[in-house]
N, C-alpha and C. Protein backbone atom coordinates (compact mmCIF):
# COMPACT_ATOMS: atom_id res chain seq x y z
N MET A 1 -61.87 -247.61 -17.58
CA MET A 1 -63.44 -247.33 -17.71
C MET A 1 -64.02 -246.26 -18.06
N ALA A 2 -64.66 -246.36 -19.02
CA ALA A 2 -65.32 -244.89 -19.60
C ALA A 2 -66.67 -244.54 -18.64
N TYR A 3 -66.83 -243.47 -18.39
CA TYR A 3 -68.08 -243.04 -17.54
C TYR A 3 -68.90 -242.49 -18.65
N ALA A 4 -70.24 -242.82 -18.63
CA ALA A 4 -71.34 -242.22 -19.47
C ALA A 4 -72.70 -242.14 -18.74
N HIS A 5 -73.17 -241.30 -19.15
CA HIS A 5 -74.73 -241.05 -18.40
C HIS A 5 -75.66 -241.41 -19.40
N ARG A 6 -76.74 -241.41 -18.91
CA ARG A 6 -77.80 -241.99 -19.62
C ARG A 6 -78.80 -240.67 -20.04
N PHE A 7 -78.56 -239.65 -19.60
CA PHE A 7 -79.56 -238.47 -20.04
C PHE A 7 -78.67 -237.61 -20.32
N HIS A 8 -79.31 -236.70 -21.20
CA HIS A 8 -78.59 -235.37 -21.50
C HIS A 8 -79.72 -234.31 -21.15
N ALA A 9 -79.14 -233.30 -20.35
CA ALA A 9 -80.03 -232.20 -20.01
C ALA A 9 -79.24 -231.16 -19.30
N ALA A 10 -79.89 -229.95 -19.49
CA ALA A 10 -79.63 -228.64 -19.28
C ALA A 10 -80.42 -227.83 -18.46
N ILE A 11 -80.04 -227.08 -17.48
CA ILE A 11 -80.94 -226.10 -16.81
C ILE A 11 -80.71 -224.77 -17.05
N THR A 12 -81.63 -224.01 -17.54
CA THR A 12 -81.14 -222.38 -17.57
C THR A 12 -82.38 -221.61 -16.63
N ASP A 13 -81.75 -220.83 -15.77
CA ASP A 13 -82.64 -219.97 -15.17
C ASP A 13 -82.38 -218.51 -15.46
N ILE A 14 -83.55 -218.23 -15.74
CA ILE A 14 -83.53 -216.42 -15.93
C ILE A 14 -84.31 -215.59 -15.25
N SER A 15 -83.78 -214.85 -14.08
CA SER A 15 -84.54 -213.86 -13.40
C SER A 15 -83.70 -212.56 -13.13
N LEU A 16 -84.62 -211.50 -12.91
CA LEU A 16 -84.07 -209.89 -12.65
C LEU A 16 -83.52 -210.15 -11.40
N ASN A 17 -82.27 -209.27 -11.39
CA ASN A 17 -81.27 -209.01 -10.19
C ASN A 17 -81.98 -207.63 -9.67
N SER A 18 -82.79 -207.52 -8.74
CA SER A 18 -83.42 -206.22 -8.53
C SER A 18 -82.12 -205.27 -7.84
N ASN A 19 -81.15 -205.71 -7.34
CA ASN A 19 -80.18 -204.91 -6.99
C ASN A 19 -79.12 -204.07 -8.05
N THR A 20 -79.13 -204.95 -9.12
CA THR A 20 -78.43 -204.17 -10.24
C THR A 20 -79.42 -203.99 -11.41
N GLY A 21 -80.58 -204.42 -11.29
CA GLY A 21 -81.44 -204.15 -12.48
C GLY A 21 -81.14 -204.87 -13.79
N ASN A 22 -80.17 -206.10 -13.67
CA ASN A 22 -79.71 -206.61 -14.93
C ASN A 22 -80.71 -208.06 -14.88
N THR A 23 -80.99 -208.53 -16.01
CA THR A 23 -81.50 -209.80 -16.21
C THR A 23 -80.66 -210.64 -16.08
N GLU A 24 -80.59 -211.65 -15.20
CA GLU A 24 -79.37 -212.59 -15.09
C GLU A 24 -79.76 -213.96 -15.73
N ILE A 25 -78.91 -214.59 -16.48
CA ILE A 25 -79.02 -216.00 -16.90
C ILE A 25 -77.96 -216.80 -16.73
N ILE A 26 -78.34 -218.09 -16.10
CA ILE A 26 -77.48 -219.22 -15.83
C ILE A 26 -78.09 -220.30 -16.23
N HIS A 27 -76.93 -220.78 -16.85
CA HIS A 27 -77.11 -222.32 -17.64
C HIS A 27 -76.10 -223.33 -17.06
N THR A 28 -76.66 -224.56 -16.31
CA THR A 28 -75.88 -225.39 -16.09
C THR A 28 -76.07 -226.52 -16.85
N LEU A 29 -74.82 -226.92 -17.49
CA LEU A 29 -74.56 -228.17 -18.51
C LEU A 29 -73.74 -229.08 -17.71
N MET A 30 -74.02 -230.27 -18.21
CA MET A 30 -73.07 -231.35 -17.95
C MET A 30 -71.65 -231.39 -18.52
N ALA A 31 -70.59 -231.49 -17.95
CA ALA A 31 -69.07 -231.10 -18.55
C ALA A 31 -68.93 -232.20 -19.59
N HIS A 32 -69.41 -233.38 -19.32
CA HIS A 32 -69.28 -234.42 -20.23
C HIS A 32 -69.64 -234.22 -21.63
N ASP A 33 -70.89 -233.73 -21.74
CA ASP A 33 -71.48 -233.36 -22.82
C ASP A 33 -70.79 -232.31 -23.58
N ILE A 34 -70.21 -230.97 -22.68
CA ILE A 34 -69.67 -230.07 -23.56
C ILE A 34 -68.47 -230.51 -24.11
N GLU A 35 -67.75 -231.40 -23.44
CA GLU A 35 -66.57 -232.03 -23.95
C GLU A 35 -66.66 -232.59 -25.15
N ALA A 36 -67.48 -233.45 -25.05
CA ALA A 36 -67.72 -234.14 -26.24
C ALA A 36 -68.27 -233.64 -27.77
N ILE A 37 -69.18 -232.63 -27.33
CA ILE A 37 -69.50 -231.71 -28.44
C ILE A 37 -68.38 -230.96 -29.14
N LEU A 38 -67.45 -230.27 -28.36
CA LEU A 38 -66.18 -229.62 -28.81
C LEU A 38 -65.51 -230.38 -29.33
N GLU A 39 -65.20 -231.71 -28.67
CA GLU A 39 -64.10 -232.61 -29.45
C GLU A 39 -64.83 -233.06 -30.91
N ASN A 40 -65.78 -233.47 -30.83
CA ASN A 40 -66.54 -233.73 -32.16
C ASN A 40 -66.67 -232.60 -33.12
N LEU A 41 -66.78 -231.51 -32.75
CA LEU A 41 -66.96 -230.18 -33.64
C LEU A 41 -65.62 -229.89 -34.22
N TYR A 42 -64.58 -229.73 -33.23
CA TYR A 42 -63.24 -229.58 -33.77
C TYR A 42 -61.86 -230.47 -33.90
N GLN A 43 -62.45 -231.74 -33.56
CA GLN A 43 -61.40 -232.84 -33.56
C GLN A 43 -60.30 -232.60 -32.71
N ARG A 44 -60.53 -232.18 -31.65
CA ARG A 44 -59.63 -232.11 -30.57
C ARG A 44 -59.99 -231.99 -29.17
N GLN A 45 -59.14 -232.12 -28.03
CA GLN A 45 -59.55 -232.00 -26.93
C GLN A 45 -59.74 -230.61 -26.55
N PHE A 46 -60.52 -229.90 -25.59
CA PHE A 46 -60.59 -228.84 -25.15
C PHE A 46 -60.36 -228.59 -23.64
N ASP A 47 -59.82 -227.55 -23.35
CA ASP A 47 -59.76 -227.15 -21.76
C ASP A 47 -60.39 -225.92 -21.49
N LEU A 48 -61.28 -225.91 -20.70
CA LEU A 48 -62.13 -224.51 -20.51
C LEU A 48 -61.65 -223.89 -19.74
N SER A 49 -60.35 -224.14 -18.94
CA SER A 49 -59.52 -223.06 -18.38
C SER A 49 -58.72 -222.17 -19.21
N ASP A 50 -58.42 -222.84 -20.42
CA ASP A 50 -57.46 -222.09 -21.34
C ASP A 50 -58.47 -220.73 -22.00
N PRO A 51 -58.36 -219.73 -21.83
CA PRO A 51 -59.10 -218.51 -22.52
C PRO A 51 -59.35 -218.75 -24.25
N ASP A 52 -58.26 -219.48 -24.81
CA ASP A 52 -58.77 -219.47 -26.20
C ASP A 52 -59.80 -220.72 -26.42
N ASP A 53 -59.84 -221.67 -25.77
CA ASP A 53 -60.76 -222.53 -25.88
C ASP A 53 -62.17 -222.13 -25.15
N VAL A 54 -62.13 -221.34 -24.21
CA VAL A 54 -63.50 -220.59 -23.82
C VAL A 54 -64.07 -219.73 -24.84
N GLN A 55 -63.40 -219.16 -25.72
CA GLN A 55 -63.82 -218.33 -26.91
C GLN A 55 -64.56 -219.21 -27.88
N VAL A 56 -63.78 -220.28 -28.18
CA VAL A 56 -64.28 -221.22 -29.09
C VAL A 56 -65.59 -221.81 -28.36
N PHE A 57 -65.65 -222.01 -27.29
CA PHE A 57 -66.84 -222.57 -26.62
C PHE A 57 -68.21 -221.47 -26.74
N ARG A 58 -67.61 -220.10 -26.39
CA ARG A 58 -68.48 -219.03 -26.38
C ARG A 58 -69.18 -218.80 -27.63
N LYS A 59 -68.43 -218.93 -28.64
CA LYS A 59 -68.96 -218.75 -30.02
C LYS A 59 -70.27 -219.78 -30.38
N TYR A 60 -69.90 -221.20 -30.22
CA TYR A 60 -70.70 -221.90 -30.40
C TYR A 60 -71.94 -221.78 -29.39
N PHE A 61 -71.65 -221.42 -28.09
CA PHE A 61 -72.81 -221.24 -27.14
C PHE A 61 -73.65 -220.27 -27.51
N GLU A 62 -73.21 -219.08 -28.14
CA GLU A 62 -73.91 -217.78 -28.54
C GLU A 62 -74.66 -217.93 -29.83
N LYS A 63 -74.51 -219.06 -30.57
CA LYS A 63 -75.31 -219.18 -31.65
C LYS A 63 -76.34 -219.93 -31.21
N GLN A 64 -76.39 -220.90 -30.11
CA GLN A 64 -77.28 -221.70 -29.81
C GLN A 64 -78.33 -221.00 -28.66
N PHE A 65 -77.75 -220.03 -28.04
CA PHE A 65 -78.90 -219.46 -27.10
C PHE A 65 -78.84 -218.03 -27.46
N VAL A 66 -80.23 -217.58 -27.87
CA VAL A 66 -80.63 -216.44 -28.21
C VAL A 66 -82.08 -216.13 -27.78
N ILE A 67 -82.02 -214.68 -27.30
CA ILE A 67 -83.52 -214.08 -26.97
C ILE A 67 -83.61 -213.00 -27.96
N SER A 68 -84.90 -212.81 -28.33
CA SER A 68 -85.26 -211.96 -29.34
C SER A 68 -86.56 -211.23 -28.81
N ASP A 69 -86.82 -210.11 -29.08
CA ASP A 69 -88.49 -209.49 -29.02
C ASP A 69 -88.54 -208.91 -30.35
N VAL A 70 -89.77 -208.31 -30.33
CA VAL A 70 -90.33 -207.73 -31.71
C VAL A 70 -89.33 -206.71 -32.35
N ASN A 71 -88.40 -206.42 -31.62
CA ASN A 71 -87.35 -205.51 -32.32
C ASN A 71 -86.07 -206.07 -32.61
N GLY A 72 -85.94 -207.32 -32.43
CA GLY A 72 -84.57 -208.03 -32.81
C GLY A 72 -84.05 -208.65 -31.51
N VAL A 73 -82.89 -209.03 -31.74
CA VAL A 73 -82.03 -209.84 -30.60
C VAL A 73 -81.57 -209.01 -29.55
N LEU A 74 -81.90 -209.56 -28.52
CA LEU A 74 -81.52 -209.01 -27.33
C LEU A 74 -79.98 -208.89 -27.23
N PRO A 75 -79.47 -207.89 -26.57
CA PRO A 75 -77.92 -207.80 -26.16
C PRO A 75 -77.81 -208.65 -24.88
N VAL A 76 -77.35 -209.89 -24.93
CA VAL A 76 -77.34 -211.03 -24.00
C VAL A 76 -75.44 -210.78 -23.67
N LYS A 77 -75.26 -210.39 -22.75
CA LYS A 77 -73.82 -210.30 -22.55
C LYS A 77 -73.19 -211.52 -21.80
N TRP A 78 -72.06 -212.08 -22.25
CA TRP A 78 -71.40 -213.03 -21.71
C TRP A 78 -70.46 -212.83 -20.55
N VAL A 79 -70.99 -213.15 -19.40
CA VAL A 79 -70.33 -212.73 -18.20
C VAL A 79 -69.02 -213.79 -17.73
N GLY A 80 -69.30 -214.99 -18.04
CA GLY A 80 -68.12 -216.00 -17.87
C GLY A 80 -68.64 -217.25 -17.47
N LEU A 81 -68.01 -218.15 -17.13
CA LEU A 81 -68.29 -219.33 -16.83
C LEU A 81 -67.48 -220.12 -15.58
N LYS A 82 -68.13 -221.14 -15.20
CA LYS A 82 -67.33 -221.93 -13.83
C LYS A 82 -67.47 -223.50 -14.26
N VAL A 83 -66.39 -223.86 -14.28
CA VAL A 83 -66.25 -225.24 -14.76
C VAL A 83 -65.71 -226.09 -13.36
N ASP A 84 -66.16 -227.36 -13.34
CA ASP A 84 -65.92 -228.41 -12.12
C ASP A 84 -65.98 -229.84 -13.15
N PRO A 85 -65.64 -230.76 -12.47
CA PRO A 85 -65.56 -232.06 -13.15
C PRO A 85 -66.73 -232.49 -13.62
N ASN A 86 -68.04 -232.08 -13.00
CA ASN A 86 -69.25 -232.57 -13.29
C ASN A 86 -70.10 -231.61 -14.26
N SER A 87 -69.80 -230.21 -14.33
CA SER A 87 -70.70 -229.15 -14.91
C SER A 87 -70.04 -228.19 -15.26
N VAL A 88 -70.68 -227.35 -16.31
CA VAL A 88 -70.29 -226.22 -16.75
C VAL A 88 -71.35 -225.30 -16.57
N ILE A 89 -71.10 -224.21 -15.83
CA ILE A 89 -71.98 -223.13 -15.60
C ILE A 89 -71.68 -221.66 -16.26
N VAL A 90 -72.53 -221.47 -17.26
CA VAL A 90 -72.10 -220.30 -17.86
C VAL A 90 -72.97 -219.14 -17.54
N PHE A 91 -72.63 -217.99 -17.27
CA PHE A 91 -73.21 -216.88 -16.60
C PHE A 91 -73.13 -215.76 -18.01
N GLN A 92 -74.85 -215.30 -18.03
CA GLN A 92 -75.01 -214.20 -18.90
C GLN A 92 -75.88 -213.07 -18.36
N GLU A 93 -75.92 -212.12 -18.97
CA GLU A 93 -76.86 -210.89 -18.46
C GLU A 93 -77.30 -210.13 -19.42
N ILE A 94 -78.54 -209.65 -19.25
CA ILE A 94 -78.90 -208.17 -20.13
C ILE A 94 -78.97 -207.21 -19.17
N GLU A 95 -78.22 -206.38 -19.55
CA GLU A 95 -77.65 -205.27 -18.88
C GLU A 95 -79.07 -203.91 -18.57
N LYS A 96 -79.11 -203.74 -17.32
CA LYS A 96 -80.17 -202.78 -16.90
C LYS A 96 -81.49 -202.90 -17.78
N ARG A 97 -81.96 -204.04 -17.93
CA ARG A 97 -83.33 -204.09 -18.51
C ARG A 97 -83.94 -205.45 -17.97
N THR A 98 -85.45 -205.46 -17.93
CA THR A 98 -86.00 -206.74 -17.55
C THR A 98 -86.41 -207.22 -18.89
N LEU A 99 -86.51 -208.54 -18.76
CA LEU A 99 -86.83 -209.28 -19.93
C LEU A 99 -88.05 -208.80 -20.39
N PRO A 100 -88.48 -208.49 -21.70
CA PRO A 100 -90.00 -207.97 -22.25
C PRO A 100 -90.75 -209.12 -22.12
N THR A 101 -91.96 -208.72 -22.02
CA THR A 101 -93.33 -209.66 -21.83
C THR A 101 -93.02 -210.60 -22.81
N GLN A 102 -93.10 -209.97 -24.14
CA GLN A 102 -92.96 -210.97 -25.15
C GLN A 102 -91.82 -211.14 -26.05
N VAL A 103 -91.20 -212.38 -25.78
CA VAL A 103 -89.95 -213.03 -26.28
C VAL A 103 -90.00 -214.21 -27.00
N LYS A 104 -88.91 -214.29 -27.87
CA LYS A 104 -88.99 -215.56 -28.70
C LYS A 104 -87.22 -216.01 -28.03
N ILE A 105 -87.35 -217.65 -27.33
CA ILE A 105 -86.05 -217.80 -26.96
C ILE A 105 -85.65 -219.24 -27.84
N ARG A 106 -84.50 -218.96 -28.11
CA ARG A 106 -83.80 -220.29 -28.70
C ARG A 106 -82.91 -220.65 -27.71
N GLN A 107 -83.07 -222.01 -27.15
CA GLN A 107 -82.15 -222.75 -26.25
C GLN A 107 -81.94 -224.18 -27.00
N ALA A 108 -80.82 -223.98 -27.92
CA ALA A 108 -80.52 -225.04 -28.62
C ALA A 108 -79.20 -225.91 -28.27
N VAL A 109 -78.70 -225.22 -27.26
CA VAL A 109 -77.23 -225.62 -27.00
C VAL A 109 -77.53 -227.55 -26.51
N LEU A 110 -76.30 -227.84 -27.44
CA LEU A 110 -76.38 -229.60 -27.43
C LEU A 110 -77.43 -230.22 -28.22
N THR A 111 -78.51 -229.45 -28.69
CA THR A 111 -79.39 -230.45 -29.27
C THR A 111 -79.21 -230.53 -30.82
N ASP A 112 -78.11 -230.01 -31.35
CA ASP A 112 -77.49 -230.18 -32.57
C ASP A 112 -76.54 -231.52 -32.59
N PHE A 113 -76.35 -232.14 -31.41
CA PHE A 113 -75.38 -233.10 -31.39
C PHE A 113 -76.03 -234.23 -30.66
N LEU A 114 -76.76 -233.93 -29.53
CA LEU A 114 -77.40 -235.06 -28.86
C LEU A 114 -78.68 -235.14 -29.04
N SER A 115 -79.36 -236.28 -29.64
CA SER A 115 -80.76 -236.26 -30.08
C SER A 115 -81.94 -236.20 -29.06
N ASP A 116 -81.45 -236.56 -27.73
CA ASP A 116 -82.11 -236.68 -26.59
C ASP A 116 -82.14 -235.59 -25.68
N GLN A 117 -81.13 -234.82 -25.95
CA GLN A 117 -80.93 -233.60 -25.18
C GLN A 117 -82.20 -232.82 -24.63
N VAL A 118 -82.45 -232.35 -23.70
CA VAL A 118 -83.33 -231.74 -23.06
C VAL A 118 -82.98 -230.35 -22.20
N ASN A 119 -83.39 -229.41 -22.78
CA ASN A 119 -82.96 -228.17 -22.06
C ASN A 119 -84.23 -227.63 -21.61
N THR A 120 -84.12 -227.29 -19.99
CA THR A 120 -85.35 -226.71 -19.33
C THR A 120 -85.04 -225.41 -19.05
N LEU A 121 -85.68 -224.58 -19.04
CA LEU A 121 -85.70 -223.07 -18.82
C LEU A 121 -86.56 -222.60 -17.85
N ASN A 122 -86.17 -222.09 -16.93
CA ASN A 122 -86.95 -221.66 -15.83
C ASN A 122 -87.06 -220.07 -15.89
N LEU A 123 -88.28 -219.54 -16.07
CA LEU A 123 -88.27 -218.00 -16.07
C LEU A 123 -88.84 -217.40 -14.92
N ASN A 124 -88.33 -216.61 -14.37
CA ASN A 124 -88.58 -216.09 -12.97
C ASN A 124 -89.07 -214.74 -13.27
N ARG A 125 -90.57 -214.44 -13.20
CA ARG A 125 -90.88 -213.06 -13.42
C ARG A 125 -91.49 -212.52 -12.13
N ASP A 126 -90.86 -211.63 -11.32
CA ASP A 126 -91.78 -211.37 -10.08
C ASP A 126 -92.02 -212.46 -9.08
N GLY A 127 -91.49 -213.61 -9.08
CA GLY A 127 -91.48 -214.47 -8.22
C GLY A 127 -92.31 -215.81 -8.87
N ASN A 128 -92.98 -215.47 -10.06
CA ASN A 128 -93.84 -216.55 -10.57
C ASN A 128 -92.88 -217.08 -11.77
N VAL A 129 -92.64 -218.37 -11.54
CA VAL A 129 -91.79 -219.20 -12.27
C VAL A 129 -92.41 -220.00 -13.35
N GLN A 130 -92.01 -219.94 -14.72
CA GLN A 130 -92.63 -220.72 -15.61
C GLN A 130 -91.60 -221.63 -16.50
N THR A 131 -91.81 -222.49 -16.61
CA THR A 131 -90.74 -223.49 -17.24
C THR A 131 -91.29 -223.80 -18.77
N LEU A 132 -90.11 -223.75 -19.45
CA LEU A 132 -90.20 -224.01 -20.67
C LEU A 132 -89.14 -225.29 -21.10
N THR A 133 -89.59 -226.25 -22.04
CA THR A 133 -88.66 -227.23 -22.31
C THR A 133 -88.43 -227.20 -23.84
N PHE A 134 -86.98 -227.28 -24.05
CA PHE A 134 -86.28 -227.26 -25.50
C PHE A 134 -85.78 -228.61 -25.78
N THR A 135 -86.24 -229.13 -27.01
CA THR A 135 -85.41 -230.47 -27.63
C THR A 135 -85.03 -230.34 -28.98
N ARG A 136 -84.72 -231.30 -29.57
CA ARG A 136 -84.08 -231.21 -30.81
C ARG A 136 -85.41 -230.50 -31.71
N SER A 137 -86.84 -231.10 -31.52
CA SER A 137 -87.76 -230.73 -32.21
C SER A 137 -88.20 -229.46 -31.89
N GLN A 138 -87.92 -228.83 -30.78
CA GLN A 138 -88.34 -227.59 -30.49
C GLN A 138 -87.50 -226.79 -29.74
N ARG A 139 -86.61 -226.17 -30.69
CA ARG A 139 -85.31 -225.32 -30.15
C ARG A 139 -85.80 -223.89 -29.98
N GLU A 140 -86.91 -223.46 -30.44
CA GLU A 140 -87.28 -222.00 -30.18
C GLU A 140 -88.82 -222.15 -29.59
N ILE A 141 -88.89 -220.99 -28.77
CA ILE A 141 -90.42 -221.08 -28.07
C ILE A 141 -90.66 -219.48 -28.16
N ALA A 142 -91.74 -218.88 -28.81
CA ALA A 142 -92.24 -217.57 -28.55
C ALA A 142 -92.90 -217.66 -27.20
N PHE A 143 -92.72 -216.52 -26.51
CA PHE A 143 -93.46 -216.73 -25.03
C PHE A 143 -94.12 -215.36 -24.74
N PRO A 144 -95.08 -215.05 -24.30
CA PRO A 144 -95.91 -215.99 -23.83
C PRO A 144 -96.84 -216.71 -24.78
C-alpha cells in the first residue's frame, strides 16, 4: 500500500546565532515530496545518503531558495542536511552577517512540482518573529 499525504508544506526558520554571528537558515521538508520531485526531474530513484545525489538535490534547492538585498544575491552557504524517513532538513547559513533589513526572499522549493505546496518562513529578528507564506503564485516576497 502506498502512503500519500494530503498536504504539501515546508517550514523555513531564519535567525541570528549570537554565538557565531552567523544567520542560520533551517528548512524542514517532507521526505516523500523531495523523493517525488527528484524522481520526476531525473527519472530515477535518489538516495540522499549518497554524496552525488545530495549534490543533485543541492543544485535544485539553491536555485529555488535565494535571498537578495539591494546589492544582489547574498552568499547563502550550504552547511548540510539530515534525512530521516519523514523529513529532509537542510541547513544553510550566511556567515558573520545579520540579515539585512530589506531583503527579497525566494522560497520556491517544490512549488514548481506541487501546485498546492505551501512554504512557511519564520524570520526571527531579535526575538520578533515574522511569518511569510510562499506558494506557487507567490514565490518571492520583498521584505519588509
